[in-house]
């Protein structure tokens, strides 16, 4: 892999031992032939470069970490630094407060905010608006007991802690060791003190036993294709080229996690979300859940954020109750959210 990098993007043959050069020549020739074939089919590098140019530029979203600073203090500091409040966001020094999420600020796409000292100190957190919707729509009150089923890297978890004013208890799970370490680090640096983290598969958690049998709110943001992320090309790839087997596998896993969370005996409200644009991971999962007789008689799908314009696919009776995001209409990454409440 290192030698291929040097051949394609590094210093070339100078860094590659002579005994490997013949084999790498063959690989390089095969790559060139494949690229040429793709170009002839209209799916080469030039195609994807043009498609990337079509992707709308979205603003920079910054969540105020209210565990460390108030929104008012942030605005005051920004104004002193020469920033101006404006909904236009044409200038790199313009920003405004989001109309839906009160602790979210919106900066111009041109703003060099990523290396700001408030970002480095975790008083501000770079987080796309779509990603903030899950915790915002769950909004567990202070003192609540909450489960975050697939919590890493922890931005949604820290948002939950902030909404709860660091009171109550958030049980955060992630089965991946590396991502779990990221989760711990991010919660520590953001000042989240009411979260307990566990490096375990949520599907193995005994939801009917202490202390989880007291949980009233749950966030299910499970592993997904990530196809909604703006710099990915999934939305520009023909359906037949998408790995449907992988998507069906993800959809099954997502439904299993959501069903398991709905087994929490005192659960009042649960939010399901993905950063995917694919129906299989979104409406199809909700449809499967709603066909389950036990769940259907216990939970109802509620109208998530009625003021939001883009809804779920209208081919489903429940589609209008779900929420979708995309770069064109909502100026965010692609996202899907559904909210259930106990009947």
C-alpha atoms as a PDB file:
ATOM      1  CA  UNK A   1       0.000   0.000   0.000  1.00  0.00           C
ATOM      2  CA  UNK A   2       2.844   2.401   0.851  1.00  0.00           C
ATOM      3  CA  UNK A   3       4.555   1.626  -2.446  1.00  0.00           C
ATOM      4  CA  UNK A   4       1.334   2.234  -4.382  1.00  0.00           C
ATOM      5  CA  UNK A   5       1.014   5.595  -2.676  1.00  0.00           C
ATOM      6  CA  UNK A   6       4.556   6.544  -3.652  1.00  0.00           C
ATOM      7  CA  UNK A   7       3.861   5.449  -7.215  1.00  0.00           C
ATOM      8  CA  UNK A   8       0.596   7.374  -7.564  1.00  0.00           C
ATOM      9  CA  UNK A   9       0.924  10.379  -5.252  1.00  0.00           C
ATOM     10  CA  UNK A  10       4.387  10.285  -3.723  1.00  0.00           C
ATOM     11  CA  UNK A  11       7.907  10.518  -5.105  1.00  0.00           C
ATOM     12  CA  UNK A  12       7.500   7.685  -7.616  1.00  0.00           C
ATOM     13  CA  UNK A  13      10.159   5.112  -8.424  1.00  0.00           C
ATOM     14  CA  UNK A  14      12.822   6.793  -6.305  1.00  0.00           C
ATOM     15  CA  UNK A  15      11.160   5.445  -3.156  1.00  0.00           C
ATOM     16  CA  UNK A  16      10.376   1.932  -4.496  1.00  0.00           C
ATOM     17  CA  UNK A  17      12.868  -1.004  -4.321  1.00  0.00           C
ATOM     18  CA  UNK A  18      13.868  -2.228  -7.789  1.00  0.00           C
ATOM     19  CA  UNK A  19      12.603  -5.768  -7.205  1.00  0.00           C
ATOM     20  CA  UNK A  20       9.010  -4.465  -6.914  1.00  0.00           C
ATOM     21  CA  UNK A  21       9.017  -2.087  -9.876  1.00  0.00           C
ATOM     22  CA  UNK A  22       8.002  -4.611 -12.545  1.00  0.00           C
ATOM     23  CA  UNK A  23       4.973  -5.756 -10.542  1.00  0.00           C
ATOM     24  CA  UNK A  24       3.978  -2.182  -9.805  1.00  0.00           C
ATOM     25  CA  UNK A  25       4.333  -1.322 -13.501  1.00  0.00           C
ATOM     26  CA  UNK A  26       1.703  -3.960 -14.247  1.00  0.00           C
ATOM     27  CA  UNK A  27      -0.585  -2.561 -11.550  1.00  0.00           C
ATOM     28  CA  UNK A  28      -0.133   0.976 -12.833  1.00  0.00           C
ATOM     29  CA  UNK A  29      -0.942  -0.153 -16.385  1.00  0.00           C
ATOM     30  CA  UNK A  30      -4.091  -1.911 -15.159  1.00  0.00           C
ATOM     31  CA  UNK A  31      -5.158   1.237 -13.287  1.00  0.00           C
ATOM     32  CA  UNK A  32      -4.688   3.371 -16.405  1.00  0.00           C
ATOM     33  CA  UNK A  33      -6.722   0.940 -18.527  1.00  0.00           C
ATOM     34  CA  UNK A  34      -9.529   0.905 -15.938  1.00  0.00           C
ATOM     35  CA  UNK A  35      -9.558   4.706 -15.743  1.00  0.00           C
ATOM     36  CA  UNK A  36      -9.712   4.957 -19.529  1.00  0.00           C
ATOM     37  CA  UNK A  37     -12.623   2.495 -19.657  1.00  0.00           C
ATOM     38  CA  UNK A  38     -14.453   4.497 -16.994  1.00  0.00           C
ATOM     39  CA  UNK A  39     -13.869   7.715 -18.937  1.00  0.00           C
ATOM     40  CA  UNK A  40     -15.298   6.077 -22.068  1.00  0.00           C
ATOM     41  CA  UNK A  41     -18.374   5.069 -20.059  1.00  0.00           C
ATOM     42  CA  UNK A  42     -18.753   8.628 -18.795  1.00  0.00           C
ATOM     43  CA  UNK A  43     -17.861   7.674 -15.224  1.00  0.00           C
ATOM     44  CA  UNK A  44     -14.231   8.655 -15.019  1.00  0.00           C
ATOM     45  CA  UNK A  45     -12.385  11.238 -12.952  1.00  0.00           C
ATOM     46  CA  UNK A  46     -13.664  14.159 -15.032  1.00  0.00           C
ATOM     47  CA  UNK A  47     -17.269  13.056 -14.411  1.00  0.00           C
ATOM     48  CA  UNK A  48     -16.819  13.042 -10.647  1.00  0.00           C
ATOM     49  CA  UNK A  49     -14.968  16.347 -10.678  1.00  0.00           C
ATOM     50  CA  UNK A  50     -17.934  17.904 -12.478  1.00  0.00           C
ATOM     51  CA  UNK A  51     -20.387  16.270 -10.084  1.00  0.00           C
ATOM     52  CA  UNK A  52     -18.491  17.607  -7.072  1.00  0.00           C
ATOM     53  CA  UNK A  53     -18.779  21.106  -8.525  1.00  0.00           C
ATOM     54  CA  UNK A  54     -22.581  20.711  -8.527  1.00  0.00           C
ATOM     55  CA  UNK A  55     -22.733  20.041  -4.789  1.00  0.00           C
ATOM     56  CA  UNK A  56     -24.087  23.173  -3.070  1.00  0.00           C
ATOM     57  CA  UNK A  57     -21.809  24.994  -0.670  1.00  0.00           C
ATOM     58  CA  UNK A  58     -23.270  24.795   2.818  1.00  0.00           C
ATOM     59  CA  UNK A  59     -22.670  27.122   5.776  1.00  0.00           C
ATOM     60  CA  UNK A  60     -20.385  26.288   8.676  1.00  0.00           C
ATOM     61  CA  UNK A  61     -22.477  25.262  11.671  1.00  0.00           C
ATOM     62  CA  UNK A  62     -21.124  25.726  15.176  1.00  0.00           C
ATOM     63  CA  UNK A  63     -22.882  24.452  18.293  1.00  0.00           C
ATOM     64  CA  UNK A  64     -22.410  26.486  21.441  1.00  0.00           C
ATOM     65  CA  UNK A  65     -21.237  24.114  24.163  1.00  0.00           C
ATOM     66  CA  UNK A  66     -23.416  25.467  26.954  1.00  0.00           C
ATOM     67  CA  UNK A  67     -21.531  23.296  29.445  1.00  0.00           C
ATOM     68  CA  UNK A  68     -18.670  25.782  29.096  1.00  0.00           C
ATOM     69  CA  UNK A  69     -20.078  29.052  27.776  1.00  0.00           C
ATOM     70  CA  UNK A  70     -23.387  30.784  27.083  1.00  0.00           C
ATOM     71  CA  UNK A  71     -24.602  31.703  23.625  1.00  0.00           C
ATOM     72  CA  UNK A  72     -24.759  35.341  24.684  1.00  0.00           C
ATOM     73  CA  UNK A  73     -21.082  35.326  25.704  1.00  0.00           C
ATOM     74  CA  UNK A  74     -20.094  33.765  22.386  1.00  0.00           C
ATOM     75  CA  UNK A  75     -22.009  36.373  20.407  1.00  0.00           C
ATOM     76  CA  UNK A  76     -20.430  39.170  22.456  1.00  0.00           C
ATOM     77  CA  UNK A  77     -16.935  37.799  21.810  1.00  0.00           C
ATOM     78  CA  UNK A  78     -17.599  37.397  18.093  1.00  0.00           C
ATOM     79  CA  UNK A  79     -18.890  40.949  17.757  1.00  0.00           C
ATOM     80  CA  UNK A  80     -15.778  42.260  19.509  1.00  0.00           C
ATOM     81  CA  UNK A  81     -13.662  40.358  16.978  1.00  0.00           C
ATOM     82  CA  UNK A  82     -15.335  42.153  14.103  1.00  0.00           C
ATOM     83  CA  UNK A  83     -17.984  39.607  13.187  1.00  0.00           C
ATOM     84  CA  UNK A  84     -21.417  40.914  12.226  1.00  0.00           C
ATOM     85  CA  UNK A  85     -24.850  39.358  12.676  1.00  0.00           C
ATOM     86  CA  UNK A  86     -26.454  38.871   9.265  1.00  0.00           C
ATOM     87  CA  UNK A  87     -28.676  36.270   7.633  1.00  0.00           C
ATOM     88  CA  UNK A  88     -26.964  36.811   4.280  1.00  0.00           C
ATOM     89  CA  UNK A  89     -23.674  35.109   5.232  1.00  0.00           C
ATOM     90  CA  UNK A  90     -22.006  36.547   2.146  1.00  0.00           C
ATOM     91  CA  UNK A  91     -19.009  37.774   4.086  1.00  0.00           C
ATOM     92  CA  UNK A  92     -16.497  35.621   5.979  1.00  0.00           C
ATOM     93  CA  UNK A  93     -17.184  37.730   9.075  1.00  0.00           C
ATOM     94  CA  UNK A  94     -20.969  37.265   9.073  1.00  0.00           C
ATOM     95  CA  UNK A  95     -22.943  34.852  11.260  1.00  0.00           C
ATOM     96  CA  UNK A  96     -26.432  34.353  12.668  1.00  0.00           C
ATOM     97  CA  UNK A  97     -28.371  32.240  15.165  1.00  0.00           C
ATOM     98  CA  UNK A  98     -30.196  29.217  13.759  1.00  0.00           C
ATOM     99  CA  UNK A  99     -33.993  29.554  13.638  1.00  0.00           C
ATOM    100  CA  UNK A 100     -34.660  25.987  14.811  1.00  0.00           C
ATOM    101  CA  UNK A 101     -31.874  25.080  17.244  1.00  0.00           C
ATOM    102  CA  UNK A 102     -31.254  27.852  19.739  1.00  0.00           C
ATOM    103  CA  UNK A 103     -27.680  26.907  20.679  1.00  0.00           C
ATOM    104  CA  UNK A 104     -26.526  26.658  17.051  1.00  0.00           C
ATOM    105  CA  UNK A 105     -24.702  29.437  15.209  1.00  0.00           C
ATOM    106  CA  UNK A 106     -24.351  29.646  11.434  1.00  0.00           C
ATOM    107  CA  UNK A 107     -21.261  31.114   9.802  1.00  0.00           C
ATOM    108  CA  UNK A 108     -20.455  31.882   6.194  1.00  0.00           C
ATOM    109  CA  UNK A 109     -18.911  28.998   4.215  1.00  0.00           C
ATOM    110  CA  UNK A 110     -15.937  31.340   3.819  1.00  0.00           C
ATOM    111  CA  UNK A 111     -15.440  31.740   7.574  1.00  0.00           C
ATOM    112  CA  UNK A 112     -12.105  30.522   8.939  1.00  0.00           C
ATOM    113  CA  UNK A 113     -13.681  29.334  12.148  1.00  0.00           C
ATOM    114  CA  UNK A 114     -12.210  25.835  12.447  1.00  0.00           C
ATOM    115  CA  UNK A 115      -9.023  27.049  14.172  1.00  0.00           C
ATOM    116  CA  UNK A 116     -10.714  29.629  16.412  1.00  0.00           C
ATOM    117  CA  UNK A 117      -9.643  29.523  20.064  1.00  0.00           C
ATOM    118  CA  UNK A 118     -13.243  28.852  21.153  1.00  0.00           C
ATOM    119  CA  UNK A 119     -13.231  25.746  18.958  1.00  0.00           C
ATOM    120  CA  UNK A 120      -9.905  24.552  20.345  1.00  0.00           C
ATOM    121  CA  UNK A 121     -11.172  24.995  23.911  1.00  0.00           C
ATOM    122  CA  UNK A 122     -14.391  23.071  23.087  1.00  0.00           C
ATOM    123  CA  UNK A 123     -16.547  26.045  23.999  1.00  0.00           C
ATOM    124  CA  UNK A 124     -17.742  25.863  20.414  1.00  0.00           C
ATOM    125  CA  UNK A 125     -18.171  22.563  18.580  1.00  0.00           C
ATOM    126  CA  UNK A 126     -18.127  22.214  14.804  1.00  0.00           C
ATOM    127  CA  UNK A 127     -21.265  20.172  14.154  1.00  0.00           C
ATOM    128  CA  UNK A 128     -23.520  20.178  11.122  1.00  0.00           C
ATOM    129  CA  UNK A 129     -27.088  21.269  11.799  1.00  0.00           C
ATOM    130  CA  UNK A 130     -28.462  17.929  10.617  1.00  0.00           C
ATOM    131  CA  UNK A 131     -26.315  16.138  13.192  1.00  0.00           C
ATOM    132  CA  UNK A 132     -27.703  18.395  15.945  1.00  0.00           C
ATOM    133  CA  UNK A 133     -31.320  17.530  15.141  1.00  0.00           C
ATOM    134  CA  UNK A 134     -31.300  14.108  16.838  1.00  0.00           C
ATOM    135  CA  UNK A 135     -30.417  15.334  20.327  1.00  0.00           C
ATOM    136  CA  UNK A 136     -32.471  18.502  19.868  1.00  0.00           C
ATOM    137  CA  UNK A 137     -35.617  16.551  18.949  1.00  0.00           C
ATOM    138  CA  UNK A 138     -35.105  14.161  21.859  1.00  0.00           C
ATOM    139  CA  UNK A 139     -34.484  17.066  24.291  1.00  0.00           C
ATOM    140  CA  UNK A 140     -34.490  15.059  27.530  1.00  0.00           C
ATOM    141  CA  UNK A 141     -35.250  17.375  30.452  1.00  0.00           C
ATOM    142  CA  UNK A 142     -32.617  17.962  33.162  1.00  0.00           C
ATOM    143  CA  UNK A 143     -32.434  15.048  35.575  1.00  0.00           C
ATOM    144  CA  UNK A 144     -33.515  12.462  32.993  1.00  0.00           C
ATOM    145  CA  UNK A 145     -32.070   9.016  32.413  1.00  0.00           C
ATOM    146  CA  UNK A 146     -31.038   8.570  28.784  1.00  0.00           C
ATOM    147  CA  UNK A 147     -29.434   5.937  26.555  1.00  0.00           C
ATOM    148  CA  UNK A 148     -27.316   6.741  23.515  1.00  0.00           C
ATOM    149  CA  UNK A 149     -27.112   3.370  21.794  1.00  0.00           C
ATOM    150  CA  UNK A 150     -24.257   3.995  19.328  1.00  0.00           C
ATOM    151  CA  UNK A 151     -22.608   7.051  20.777  1.00  0.00           C
ATOM    152  CA  UNK A 152     -19.149   7.516  19.217  1.00  0.00           C
ATOM    153  CA  UNK A 153     -17.615   9.923  18.416  1.00  0.00           C
ATOM    154  CA  UNK A 154     -19.757  11.691  21.029  1.00  0.00           C
ATOM    155  CA  UNK A 155     -20.979  14.974  19.579  1.00  0.00           C
ATOM    156  CA  UNK A 156     -24.632  13.994  19.945  1.00  0.00           C
ATOM    157  CA  UNK A 157     -23.894  12.599  23.412  1.00  0.00           C
ATOM    158  CA  UNK A 158     -22.258  15.820  24.586  1.00  0.00           C
ATOM    159  CA  UNK A 159     -25.216  17.727  23.129  1.00  0.00           C
ATOM    160  CA  UNK A 160     -27.564  15.581  25.235  1.00  0.00           C
ATOM    161  CA  UNK A 161     -25.464  16.302  28.331  1.00  0.00           C
ATOM    162  CA  UNK A 162     -25.644  20.021  27.595  1.00  0.00           C
ATOM    163  CA  UNK A 163     -29.418  19.929  27.097  1.00  0.00           C
ATOM    164  CA  UNK A 164     -29.659  18.209  30.501  1.00  0.00           C
ATOM    165  CA  UNK A 165     -27.348  20.776  32.151  1.00  0.00           C
ATOM    166  CA  UNK A 166     -25.005  17.954  33.200  1.00  0.00           C
ATOM    167  CA  UNK A 167     -27.704  16.486  35.452  1.00  0.00           C
ATOM    168  CA  UNK A 168     -29.378  13.092  35.342  1.00  0.00           C
ATOM    169  CA  UNK A 169     -27.578  10.247  33.600  1.00  0.00           C
ATOM    170  CA  UNK A 170     -26.615   9.412  30.015  1.00  0.00           C
ATOM    171  CA  UNK A 171     -25.583   5.806  29.335  1.00  0.00           C
ATOM    172  CA  UNK A 172     -23.466   5.880  26.166  1.00  0.00           C
ATOM    173  CA  UNK A 173     -22.496   2.705  24.302  1.00  0.00           C
ATOM    174  CA  UNK A 174     -20.176   1.910  21.429  1.00  0.00           C
ATOM    175  CA  UNK A 175     -18.794  -1.495  20.500  1.00  0.00           C
ATOM    176  CA  UNK A 176     -15.788  -0.294  18.478  1.00  0.00           C
ATOM    177  CA  UNK A 177     -12.706   0.119  20.692  1.00  0.00           C
ATOM    178  CA  UNK A 178     -11.091   2.926  18.705  1.00  0.00           C
ATOM    179  CA  UNK A 179     -14.320   4.892  18.380  1.00  0.00           C
ATOM    180  CA  UNK A 180     -15.043   4.241  22.056  1.00  0.00           C
ATOM    181  CA  UNK A 181     -11.746   5.919  22.966  1.00  0.00           C
ATOM    182  CA  UNK A 182     -12.724   8.889  20.794  1.00  0.00           C
ATOM    183  CA  UNK A 183     -16.050   8.999  22.624  1.00  0.00           C
ATOM    184  CA  UNK A 184     -14.353   9.124  26.023  1.00  0.00           C
ATOM    185  CA  UNK A 185     -11.904  11.816  24.921  1.00  0.00           C
ATOM    186  CA  UNK A 186     -14.586  14.005  23.357  1.00  0.00           C
ATOM    187  CA  UNK A 187     -16.885  13.814  26.371  1.00  0.00           C
ATOM    188  CA  UNK A 188     -14.016  14.642  28.712  1.00  0.00           C
ATOM    189  CA  UNK A 189     -12.828  17.626  26.671  1.00  0.00           C
ATOM    190  CA  UNK A 190     -16.358  18.982  26.221  1.00  0.00           C
ATOM    191  CA  UNK A 191     -17.041  19.004  29.966  1.00  0.00           C
ATOM    192  CA  UNK A 192     -19.779  16.350  29.897  1.00  0.00           C
ATOM    193  CA  UNK A 193     -19.934  14.975  33.434  1.00  0.00           C
ATOM    194  CA  UNK A 194     -23.231  13.082  33.532  1.00  0.00           C
ATOM    195  CA  UNK A 195     -22.349  10.412  30.960  1.00  0.00           C
ATOM    196  CA  UNK A 196     -21.261   6.847  31.698  1.00  0.00           C
ATOM    197  CA  UNK A 197     -19.563   5.193  28.728  1.00  0.00           C
ATOM    198  CA  UNK A 198     -19.415   1.491  27.887  1.00  0.00           C
ATOM    199  CA  UNK A 199     -17.351  -0.307  25.246  1.00  0.00           C
ATOM    200  CA  UNK A 200     -20.067  -2.852  24.476  1.00  0.00           C
ATOM    201  CA  UNK A 201     -22.516  -3.735  21.718  1.00  0.00           C
ATOM    202  CA  UNK A 202     -25.857  -2.200  22.721  1.00  0.00           C
ATOM    203  CA  UNK A 203     -27.650  -5.314  21.473  1.00  0.00           C
ATOM    204  CA  UNK A 204     -26.059  -7.162  24.400  1.00  0.00           C
ATOM    205  CA  UNK A 205     -27.328  -4.675  26.984  1.00  0.00           C
ATOM    206  CA  UNK A 206     -30.076  -6.120  29.257  1.00  0.00           C
ATOM    207  CA  UNK A 207     -32.508  -3.224  28.837  1.00  0.00           C
ATOM    208  CA  UNK A 208     -35.048  -4.717  31.252  1.00  0.00           C
ATOM    209  CA  UNK A 209     -32.612  -4.732  34.185  1.00  0.00           C
ATOM    210  CA  UNK A 210     -31.168  -2.085  36.493  1.00  0.00           C
ATOM    211  CA  UNK A 211     -30.133   0.617  35.867  1.00  0.00           C
ATOM    212  CA  UNK A 212     -31.501   0.673  32.322  1.00  0.00           C
ATOM    213  CA  UNK A 213     -35.052  -0.195  33.323  1.00  0.00           C
ATOM    214  CA  UNK A 214     -35.366   3.390  34.592  1.00  0.00           C
ATOM    215  CA  UNK A 215     -34.375   5.004  31.263  1.00  0.00           C
ATOM    216  CA  UNK A 216     -37.060   7.255  29.756  1.00  0.00           C
ATOM    217  CA  UNK A 217     -35.314   8.662  26.650  1.00  0.00           C
ATOM    218  CA  UNK A 218     -33.196   6.998  23.972  1.00  0.00           C
ATOM    219  CA  UNK A 219     -31.215   8.103  20.945  1.00  0.00           C
ATOM    220  CA  UNK A 220     -30.621   5.535  18.194  1.00  0.00           C
ATOM    221  CA  UNK A 221     -28.110   6.828  15.664  1.00  0.00           C
ATOM    222  CA  UNK A 222     -26.776   3.457  14.459  1.00  0.00           C
ATOM    223  CA  UNK A 223     -23.989   2.563  12.031  1.00  0.00           C
ATOM    224  CA  UNK A 224     -25.047   3.589   8.524  1.00  0.00           C
ATOM    225  CA  UNK A 225     -23.689   4.035   5.010  1.00  0.00           C
ATOM    226  CA  UNK A 226     -22.834   7.699   5.629  1.00  0.00           C
ATOM    227  CA  UNK A 227     -24.192   8.430   2.158  1.00  0.00           C
ATOM    228  CA  UNK A 228     -25.573  11.788   3.251  1.00  0.00           C
ATOM    229  CA  UNK A 229     -22.167  13.286   3.919  1.00  0.00           C
ATOM    230  CA  UNK A 230     -21.772  16.085   1.412  1.00  0.00           C
ATOM    231  CA  UNK A 231     -18.313  15.171   0.134  1.00  0.00           C
ATOM    232  CA  UNK A 232     -19.330  11.612  -0.699  1.00  0.00           C
ATOM    233  CA  UNK A 233     -20.599  10.724  -4.147  1.00  0.00           C
ATOM    234  CA  UNK A 234     -23.391   8.271  -3.270  1.00  0.00           C
ATOM    235  CA  UNK A 235     -26.154  10.607  -4.421  1.00  0.00           C
ATOM    236  CA  UNK A 236     -24.467  10.819  -7.828  1.00  0.00           C
ATOM    237  CA  UNK A 237     -24.005   7.068  -8.324  1.00  0.00           C
ATOM    238  CA  UNK A 238     -26.555   5.012 -10.254  1.00  0.00           C
ATOM    239  CA  UNK A 239     -28.727   2.758  -8.086  1.00  0.00           C
ATOM    240  CA  UNK A 240     -27.421  -0.405  -9.733  1.00  0.00           C
ATOM    241  CA  UNK A 241     -23.888   0.470  -8.637  1.00  0.00           C
ATOM    242  CA  UNK A 242     -24.802   0.709  -4.965  1.00  0.00           C
ATOM    243  CA  UNK A 243     -24.057  -2.372  -2.870  1.00  0.00           C
ATOM    244  CA  UNK A 244     -27.638  -3.331  -2.054  1.00  0.00           C
ATOM    245  CA  UNK A 245     -26.555  -6.328   0.020  1.00  0.00           C
ATOM    246  CA  UNK A 246     -24.545  -4.047   2.309  1.00  0.00           C
ATOM    247  CA  UNK A 247     -27.457  -1.613   2.604  1.00  0.00           C
ATOM    248  CA  UNK A 248     -29.900  -4.399   3.460  1.00  0.00           C
ATOM    249  CA  UNK A 249     -27.446  -5.649   6.068  1.00  0.00           C
ATOM    250  CA  UNK A 250     -27.238  -2.181   7.578  1.00  0.00           C
ATOM    251  CA  UNK A 251     -31.021  -1.807   7.488  1.00  0.00           C
ATOM    252  CA  UNK A 252     -31.470  -5.086   9.367  1.00  0.00           C
ATOM    253  CA  UNK A 253     -28.921  -4.054  11.998  1.00  0.00           C
ATOM    254  CA  UNK A 254     -30.519  -0.622  12.376  1.00  0.00           C
ATOM    255  CA  UNK A 255     -33.973  -2.141  12.888  1.00  0.00           C
ATOM    256  CA  UNK A 256     -32.581  -4.601  15.452  1.00  0.00           C
ATOM    257  CA  UNK A 257     -30.985  -1.797  17.472  1.00  0.00           C
ATOM    258  CA  UNK A 258     -34.136   0.336  17.329  1.00  0.00           C
ATOM    259  CA  UNK A 259     -36.341  -2.582  18.407  1.00  0.00           C
ATOM    260  CA  UNK A 260     -33.971  -3.449  21.249  1.00  0.00           C
ATOM    261  CA  UNK A 261     -34.064   0.139  22.512  1.00  0.00           C
ATOM    262  CA  UNK A 262     -37.853   0.122  22.362  1.00  0.00           C
ATOM    263  CA  UNK A 263     -37.715  -2.727  24.869  1.00  0.00           C
ATOM    264  CA  UNK A 264     -36.726  -0.282  27.604  1.00  0.00           C
ATOM    265  CA  UNK A 265     -39.674  -0.724  30.013  1.00  0.00           C
ATOM    266  CA  UNK A 266     -40.074   2.938  31.032  1.00  0.00           C
ATOM    267  CA  UNK A 267     -39.139   4.516  27.702  1.00  0.00           C
ATOM    268  CA  UNK A 268     -41.193   7.627  26.925  1.00  0.00           C
ATOM    269  CA  UNK A 269     -39.514   8.943  23.777  1.00  0.00           C
ATOM    270  CA  UNK A 270     -36.999   7.644  21.238  1.00  0.00           C
ATOM    271  CA  UNK A 271     -35.300   9.283  18.245  1.00  0.00           C
ATOM    272  CA  UNK A 272     -33.984   7.315  15.271  1.00  0.00           C
ATOM    273  CA  UNK A 273     -31.556   9.009  12.887  1.00  0.00           C
ATOM    274  CA  UNK A 274     -29.027   8.273  10.153  1.00  0.00           C
ATOM    275  CA  UNK A 275     -26.681  10.328   7.999  1.00  0.00           C
ATOM    276  CA  UNK A 276     -27.906   8.300   5.021  1.00  0.00           C
ATOM    277  CA  UNK A 277     -29.959   9.233   1.967  1.00  0.00           C
ATOM    278  CA  UNK A 278     -30.996   5.642   1.255  1.00  0.00           C
ATOM    279  CA  UNK A 279     -34.603   4.539   1.729  1.00  0.00           C
ATOM    280  CA  UNK A 280     -33.438   1.101   2.917  1.00  0.00           C
ATOM    281  CA  UNK A 281     -31.807   2.662   5.980  1.00  0.00           C
ATOM    282  CA  UNK A 282     -34.567   5.162   6.653  1.00  0.00           C
ATOM    283  CA  UNK A 283     -38.235   4.714   5.737  1.00  0.00           C
ATOM    284  CA  UNK A 284     -37.812   0.947   5.302  1.00  0.00           C
ATOM    285  CA  UNK A 285     -36.543   0.652   8.874  1.00  0.00           C
ATOM    286  CA  UNK A 286     -39.474   2.686  10.198  1.00  0.00           C
ATOM    287  CA  UNK A 287     -41.905   0.585   8.154  1.00  0.00           C
ATOM    288  CA  UNK A 288     -40.516  -2.621   9.649  1.00  0.00           C
ATOM    289  CA  UNK A 289     -40.807  -1.188  13.155  1.00  0.00           C
ATOM    290  CA  UNK A 290     -44.414  -0.136  12.607  1.00  0.00           C
ATOM    291  CA  UNK A 291     -45.363  -3.605  11.393  1.00  0.00           C
ATOM    292  CA  UNK A 292     -44.343  -5.090  14.740  1.00  0.00           C
ATOM    293  CA  UNK A 293     -47.604  -5.595  16.658  1.00  0.00           C
ATOM    294  CA  UNK A 294     -46.041  -5.131  20.098  1.00  0.00           C
ATOM    295  CA  UNK A 295     -44.387  -1.871  19.074  1.00  0.00           C
ATOM    296  CA  UNK A 296     -47.443  -0.637  17.158  1.00  0.00           C
ATOM    297  CA  UNK A 297     -49.568  -0.987  20.278  1.00  0.00           C
ATOM    298  CA  UNK A 298     -46.970   0.704  22.487  1.00  0.00           C
ATOM    299  CA  UNK A 299     -45.421   3.542  20.471  1.00  0.00           C
ATOM    300  CA  UNK A 300     -46.639   6.050  17.917  1.00  0.00           C
ATOM    301  CA  UNK A 301     -44.648   7.932  15.297  1.00  0.00           C
ATOM    302  CA  UNK A 302     -44.992  11.669  15.960  1.00  0.00           C
ATOM    303  CA  UNK A 303     -44.671  14.590  13.569  1.00  0.00           C
ATOM    304  CA  UNK A 304     -41.029  15.616  13.979  1.00  0.00           C
ATOM    305  CA  UNK A 305     -40.451  19.384  13.822  1.00  0.00           C
ATOM    306  CA  UNK A 306     -43.585  20.299  11.792  1.00  0.00           C
ATOM    307  CA  UNK A 307     -42.015  23.550  10.558  1.00  0.00           C
ATOM    308  CA  UNK A 308     -39.316  21.592   8.689  1.00  0.00           C
ATOM    309  CA  UNK A 309     -40.111  21.628   4.970  1.00  0.00           C
ATOM    310  CA  UNK A 310     -38.483  18.454   3.692  1.00  0.00           C
ATOM    311  CA  UNK A 311     -40.232  15.326   4.916  1.00  0.00           C
ATOM    312  CA  UNK A 312     -39.879  11.586   4.435  1.00  0.00           C
ATOM    313  CA  UNK A 313     -40.782   9.882   1.164  1.00  0.00           C
ATOM    314  CA  UNK A 314     -44.480  10.382   0.391  1.00  0.00           C
ATOM    315  CA  UNK A 315     -44.856   6.816  -0.926  1.00  0.00           C
ATOM    316  CA  UNK A 316     -45.206   5.881   2.757  1.00  0.00           C
ATOM    317  CA  UNK A 317     -48.313   6.814   4.737  1.00  0.00           C
ATOM    318  CA  UNK A 318     -46.090   7.909   7.612  1.00  0.00           C
ATOM    319  CA  UNK A 319     -43.559   9.727   5.399  1.00  0.00           C
ATOM    320  CA  UNK A 320     -44.752  13.225   6.254  1.00  0.00           C
ATOM    321  CA  UNK A 321     -44.034  12.597   9.951  1.00  0.00           C
ATOM    322  CA  UNK A 322     -40.366  11.892   9.283  1.00  0.00           C
ATOM    323  CA  UNK A 323     -37.749  14.504   8.551  1.00  0.00           C
ATOM    324  CA  UNK A 324     -35.118  14.555   5.815  1.00  0.00           C
ATOM    325  CA  UNK A 325     -32.234  16.938   5.147  1.00  0.00           C
ATOM    326  CA  UNK A 326     -30.147  17.607   2.061  1.00  0.00           C
ATOM    327  CA  UNK A 327     -27.619  20.221   0.873  1.00  0.00           C
ATOM    328  CA  UNK A 328     -30.033  21.870  -1.576  1.00  0.00           C
ATOM    329  CA  UNK A 329     -33.136  22.475   0.543  1.00  0.00           C
ATOM    330  CA  UNK A 330     -31.840  22.556   4.114  1.00  0.00           C
ATOM    331  CA  UNK A 331     -28.217  23.583   3.444  1.00  0.00           C
ATOM    332  CA  UNK A 332     -26.941  20.655   5.511  1.00  0.00           C
ATOM    333  CA  UNK A 333     -25.576  17.179   5.020  1.00  0.00           C
ATOM    334  CA  UNK A 334     -28.070  14.486   4.072  1.00  0.00           C
ATOM    335  CA  UNK A 335     -29.893  13.163   7.142  1.00  0.00           C
ATOM    336  CA  UNK A 336     -33.043  11.354   8.297  1.00  0.00           C
ATOM    337  CA  UNK A 337     -34.899  11.568  11.616  1.00  0.00           C
ATOM    338  CA  UNK A 338     -37.962   9.827  13.046  1.00  0.00           C
ATOM    339  CA  UNK A 339     -39.412  10.334  16.531  1.00  0.00           C
ATOM    340  CA  UNK A 340     -41.507   7.829  18.497  1.00  0.00           C
ATOM    341  CA  UNK A 341     -43.382   8.421  21.745  1.00  0.00           C
ATOM    342  CA  UNK A 342     -45.057   5.931  24.047  1.00  0.00           C
ATOM    343  CA  UNK A 343     -48.826   5.850  23.609  1.00  0.00           C
END
